[in-house]
C-alpha atoms as a PDB file:
ATOM      1  CA  ILE A   1       0.000   0.000   0.000  1.00  0.00           C
ATOM      2  CA  GLY A   2       1.277   3.412  -0.871  1.00  0.00           C
ATOM      3  CA  LEU A   3       3.805   2.095  -3.363  1.00  0.00           C
ATOM      4  CA  PRO A   4       3.501   3.247  -6.935  1.00  0.00           C
ATOM      5  CA  THR A   5       2.371   0.645  -9.454  1.00  0.00           C
ATOM      6  CA  ASN A   6       4.029   0.165 -12.749  1.00  0.00           C
ATOM      7  CA  SER A   7       2.297   0.191 -16.094  1.00  0.00           C
ATOM      8  CA  VAL A   8       2.685  -3.590 -16.547  1.00  0.00           C
ATOM      9  CA  GLN A   9       0.753  -4.250 -13.329  1.00  0.00           C
ATOM     10  CA  GLU A  10      -1.881  -1.706 -14.301  1.00  0.00           C
ATOM     11  CA  CYS A  11      -2.238  -3.274 -17.732  1.00  0.00           C
ATOM     12  CA  ARG A  12      -2.696  -6.755 -16.214  1.00  0.00           C
ATOM     13  CA  GLN A  13      -5.297  -5.471 -13.791  1.00  0.00           C
ATOM     14  CA  LEU A  14      -7.181  -3.737 -16.592  1.00  0.00           C
ATOM     15  CA  GLU A  15      -7.038  -6.875 -18.775  1.00  0.00           C
ATOM     16  CA  LYS A  16      -8.362  -8.956 -15.874  1.00  0.00           C
ATOM     17  CA  TYR A  17     -11.140  -6.434 -15.264  1.00  0.00           C
ATOM     18  CA  LYS A  18     -11.978  -6.404 -18.984  1.00  0.00           C
ATOM     19  CA  ALA A  19     -12.194 -10.221 -19.051  1.00  0.00           C
ATOM     20  CA  GLU A  20     -14.498 -10.179 -16.010  1.00  0.00           C
ATOM     21  CA  LEU A  21     -16.752  -7.599 -17.669  1.00  0.00           C
ATOM     22  CA  GLN A  22     -16.837  -9.597 -20.901  1.00  0.00           C
ATOM     23  CA  GLN A  23     -17.836 -12.724 -18.958  1.00  0.00           C
ATOM     24  CA  ARG A  24     -20.612 -10.830 -17.172  1.00  0.00           C
ATOM     25  CA  ILE A  25     -21.876  -9.500 -20.503  1.00  0.00           C
ATOM     26  CA  LYS A  26     -21.834 -13.017 -21.949  1.00  0.00           C
ATOM     27  CA  GLU A  27     -23.851 -14.362 -18.995  1.00  0.00           C
ATOM     28  CA  LYS A  28     -26.372 -11.510 -19.155  1.00  0.00           C
ATOM     29  CA  LYS A  29     -26.774 -11.994 -22.904  1.00  0.00           C
ATOM     30  CA  LYS A  30     -27.464 -15.704 -22.344  1.00  0.00           C
ATOM     31  CA  ARG A  31     -30.065 -14.881 -19.659  1.00  0.00           C
ATOM     32  CA  ALA A  32     -31.714 -12.305 -21.914  1.00  0.00           C
ATOM     33  CA  GLN A  33     -31.946 -14.870 -24.722  1.00  0.00           C
ATOM     34  CA  GLU A  34     -33.516 -17.389 -22.335  1.00  0.00           C
ATOM     35  CA  PHE A  35     -36.034 -14.776 -21.161  1.00  0.00           C
ATOM     36  CA  MET A  36     -36.927 -14.044 -24.783  1.00  0.00           C
ATOM     37  CA  LEU A  37     -37.487 -17.756 -25.427  1.00  0.00           C
ATOM     38  CA  GLN A  38     -39.702 -17.944 -22.340  1.00  0.00           C
ATOM     39  CA  LEU A  39     -41.708 -14.948 -23.530  1.00  0.00           C
ATOM     40  CA  VAL A  40     -42.163 -16.521 -26.969  1.00  0.00           C
ATOM     41  CA  ALA A  41     -43.242 -19.828 -25.374  1.00  0.00           C
ATOM     42  CA  TYR A  42     -45.759 -18.169 -23.036  1.00  0.00           C
ATOM     43  CA  LYS A  43     -47.221 -15.935 -25.741  1.00  0.00           C
ATOM     44  CA  THR A  44     -47.469 -18.913 -28.103  1.00  0.00           C
ATOM     45  CA  LEU A  45     -49.351 -20.806 -25.387  1.00  0.00           C
ATOM     46  CA  ILE A  46     -51.727 -17.868 -24.896  1.00  0.00           C
ATOM     47  CA  GLU A  47     -52.294 -17.691 -28.647  1.00  0.00           C
ATOM     48  CA  ARG A  48     -52.932 -21.453 -28.771  1.00  0.00           C
ATOM     49  CA  ASN A  49     -55.548 -21.196 -26.035  1.00  0.00           C
ATOM     50  CA  ARG A  50     -57.182 -18.179 -27.719  1.00  0.00           C
ATOM     51  CA  LYS A  51     -57.399 -19.951 -31.094  1.00  0.00           C
ATOM     52  CA  MET A  52     -58.906 -23.042 -29.492  1.00  0.00           C
ATOM     53  CA  GLU A  53     -61.529 -20.884 -27.771  1.00  0.00           C
ATOM     54  CA  GLU A  54     -62.371 -19.187 -31.093  1.00  0.00           C
ATOM     55  CA  ARG A  55     -62.693 -22.558 -32.812  1.00  0.00           C
ATOM     56  CA  MET A  56     -64.970 -23.872 -30.074  1.00  0.00           C
ATOM     57  CA  GLY A  57     -66.946 -20.629 -29.809  1.00  0.00           C
ATOM     58  CA  ARG A  58     -66.658 -20.607 -26.021  1.00  0.00           C
ATOM     59  CA  SER A  59     -64.125 -20.650 -23.199  1.00  0.00           C
ATOM     60  CA  LEU A  60     -62.041 -23.764 -22.928  1.00  0.00           C
ATOM     61  CA  PRO A  61     -62.914 -26.165 -20.138  1.00  0.00           C
ATOM     62  CA  GLU A  62     -60.320 -26.283 -17.368  1.00  0.00           C
ATOM     63  CA  ASN A  63     -59.051 -29.710 -18.439  1.00  0.00           C
ATOM     64  CA  ALA A  64     -58.261 -28.446 -21.982  1.00  0.00           C
ATOM     65  CA  ARG A  65     -56.139 -25.494 -20.854  1.00  0.00           C
ATOM     66  CA  ILE A  66     -52.437 -25.622 -20.183  1.00  0.00           C
ATOM     67  CA  GLN A  67     -52.003 -23.620 -17.006  1.00  0.00           C
ATOM     68  CA  VAL A  68     -48.664 -22.266 -15.823  1.00  0.00           C
ATOM     69  CA  PRO A  69     -46.579 -22.698 -13.808  1.00  0.00           C
ATOM     70  CA  PHE A  70     -46.402 -26.486 -13.753  1.00  0.00           C
ATOM     71  CA  ILE A  71     -43.897 -29.292 -13.398  1.00  0.00           C
ATOM     72  CA  ILE A  72     -43.908 -32.824 -14.706  1.00  0.00           C
ATOM     73  CA  LEU A  73     -42.260 -35.624 -12.788  1.00  0.00           C
ATOM     74  CA  SER A  74     -41.268 -38.693 -14.786  1.00  0.00           C
ATOM     75  CA  THR A  75     -39.970 -42.015 -13.568  1.00  0.00           C
ATOM     76  CA  GLY A  76     -40.097 -45.717 -14.348  1.00  0.00           C
ATOM     77  CA  ALA A  77     -43.394 -47.590 -14.468  1.00  0.00           C
ATOM     78  CA  ASN A  78     -42.512 -49.721 -11.422  1.00  0.00           C
ATOM     79  CA  THR A  79     -41.453 -46.823  -9.192  1.00  0.00           C
ATOM     80  CA  GLN A  80     -43.359 -46.476  -5.940  1.00  0.00           C
ATOM     81  CA  ILE A  81     -44.409 -42.848  -5.396  1.00  0.00           C
ATOM     82  CA  GLY A  82     -45.624 -41.311  -2.171  1.00  0.00           C
ATOM     83  CA  LEU A  83     -47.351 -37.940  -1.958  1.00  0.00           C
ATOM     84  CA  GLU A  84     -48.164 -35.773   1.035  1.00  0.00           C
ATOM     85  CA  VAL A  85     -50.130 -32.546   0.634  1.00  0.00           C
ATOM     86  CA  ALA A  86     -50.297 -29.776   3.233  1.00  0.00           C
ATOM     87  CA  ASP A  87     -53.783 -28.890   4.473  1.00  0.00           C
ATOM     88  CA  ASP A  88     -53.657 -25.492   2.751  1.00  0.00           C
ATOM     89  CA  LYS A  89     -52.331 -27.148  -0.460  1.00  0.00           C
ATOM     90  CA  THR A  90     -49.311 -24.860  -0.632  1.00  0.00           C
ATOM     91  CA  GLU A  91     -46.758 -27.636  -0.114  1.00  0.00           C
ATOM     92  CA  TYR A  92     -46.422 -31.039  -1.731  1.00  0.00           C
ATOM     93  CA  GLU A  93     -43.902 -33.702  -0.752  1.00  0.00           C
ATOM     94  CA  PHE A  94     -43.074 -36.553  -3.101  1.00  0.00           C
ATOM     95  CA  THR A  95     -41.068 -39.631  -2.239  1.00  0.00           C
ATOM     96  CA  PHE A  96     -39.704 -41.999  -4.873  1.00  0.00           C
ATOM     97  CA  ASP A  97     -37.989 -45.338  -4.444  1.00  0.00           C
ATOM     98  CA  GLU A  98     -36.202 -44.990  -7.808  1.00  0.00           C
ATOM     99  CA  ILE A  99     -34.646 -42.267  -9.942  1.00  0.00           C
ATOM    100  CA  PHE A 100     -36.952 -39.547 -11.297  1.00  0.00           C
ATOM    101  CA  GLU A 101     -36.721 -36.433 -13.468  1.00  0.00           C
ATOM    102  CA  ILE A 102     -38.351 -33.040 -12.977  1.00  0.00           C
ATOM    103  CA  HIS A 103     -39.376 -30.987 -16.027  1.00  0.00           C
ATOM    104  CA  ASP A 104     -40.605 -27.391 -15.703  1.00  0.00           C
ATOM    105  CA  GLU A 105     -43.133 -25.703 -17.960  1.00  0.00           C
ATOM    106  CA  ILE A 106     -40.557 -23.954 -20.124  1.00  0.00           C
ATOM    107  CA  GLY A 107     -38.791 -27.201 -20.942  1.00  0.00           C
ATOM    108  CA  ILE A 108     -42.112 -28.837 -21.813  1.00  0.00           C
ATOM    109  CA  LEU A 109     -43.310 -25.879 -23.894  1.00  0.00           C
ATOM    110  CA  LYS A 110     -40.002 -25.979 -25.791  1.00  0.00           C
ATOM    111  CA  LYS A 111     -40.463 -29.705 -26.461  1.00  0.00           C
ATOM    112  CA  MET A 112     -43.990 -28.977 -27.690  1.00  0.00           C
ATOM    113  CA  GLY A 113     -42.510 -26.549 -30.248  1.00  0.00           C
ATOM    114  CA  PHE A 114     -43.768 -23.351 -28.639  1.00  0.00           C
ATOM    115  CA  CYS A 115     -40.410 -21.632 -29.300  1.00  0.00           C
ATOM    116  CA  TYR A 116     -40.563 -22.290 -33.059  1.00  0.00           C
ATOM    117  CA  GLY A 117     -37.214 -24.122 -32.923  1.00  0.00           C
ATOM    118  CA  LEU A 118     -35.292 -21.049 -31.743  1.00  0.00           C
ATOM    119  CA  ASP A 119     -34.138 -22.963 -28.658  1.00  0.00           C
ATOM    120  CA  THR A 120     -32.437 -25.638 -30.775  1.00  0.00           C
ATOM    121  CA  GLY A 121     -31.333 -23.480 -33.694  1.00  0.00           C
ATOM    122  CA  GLU A 122     -33.572 -25.524 -36.013  1.00  0.00           C
ATOM    123  CA  TYR A 123     -36.081 -22.882 -37.025  1.00  0.00           C
ATOM    124  CA  THR A 124     -37.682 -21.860 -40.284  1.00  0.00           C
ATOM    125  CA  ALA A 125     -37.969 -18.358 -41.672  1.00  0.00           C
ATOM    126  CA  GLU A 126     -41.708 -18.505 -40.967  1.00  0.00           C
ATOM    127  CA  GLY A 127     -41.116 -19.638 -37.381  1.00  0.00           C
ATOM    128  CA  PHE A 128     -38.570 -16.885 -36.840  1.00  0.00           C
ATOM    129  CA  ALA A 129     -41.014 -14.301 -38.185  1.00  0.00           C
ATOM    130  CA  GLU A 130     -43.797 -15.595 -35.907  1.00  0.00           C
ATOM    131  CA  ALA A 131     -41.526 -15.504 -32.851  1.00  0.00           C
ATOM    132  CA  GLU A 132     -40.307 -12.028 -33.738  1.00  0.00           C
ATOM    133  CA  LYS A 133     -43.914 -10.755 -33.728  1.00  0.00           C
ATOM    134  CA  LEU A 134     -44.283 -11.940 -30.131  1.00  0.00           C
ATOM    135  CA  LEU A 135     -41.302  -9.997 -28.809  1.00  0.00           C
ATOM    136  CA  PRO A 136     -41.536  -6.346 -27.742  1.00  0.00           C
ATOM    137  CA  LYS A 137     -40.105  -3.748 -30.102  1.00  0.00           C
ATOM    138  CA  SER A 138     -36.604  -2.662 -29.103  1.00  0.00           C
END
């Protein structure tokens, strides 16, 4: 402390700081892209529900709507599953005797094609145009 620094040390510190900033920008860009995909998926779901209601000429019954948020738990057919629900239905506890997977709504909506292939990089020009319409103007 109190000793002067030389330009080599300063340059290294600035390069390290620059690399840290670039990494933060990269992470924020990735998060922004994921948020855009989520927005496209949700708006596509809303549009799907609206079109189904128009086709039917009335509101969809509860069992025909995809409500969010949701999770899907998948496991083998022979797995024993236990479920405990709190009285106020705000907490659920599952027990499994074998391996299981948890899938959230975004992952499922992506698998259902609600992101027009943007999540996998396998999109068409039409799909890109549809997704672009769903995003806010910049």
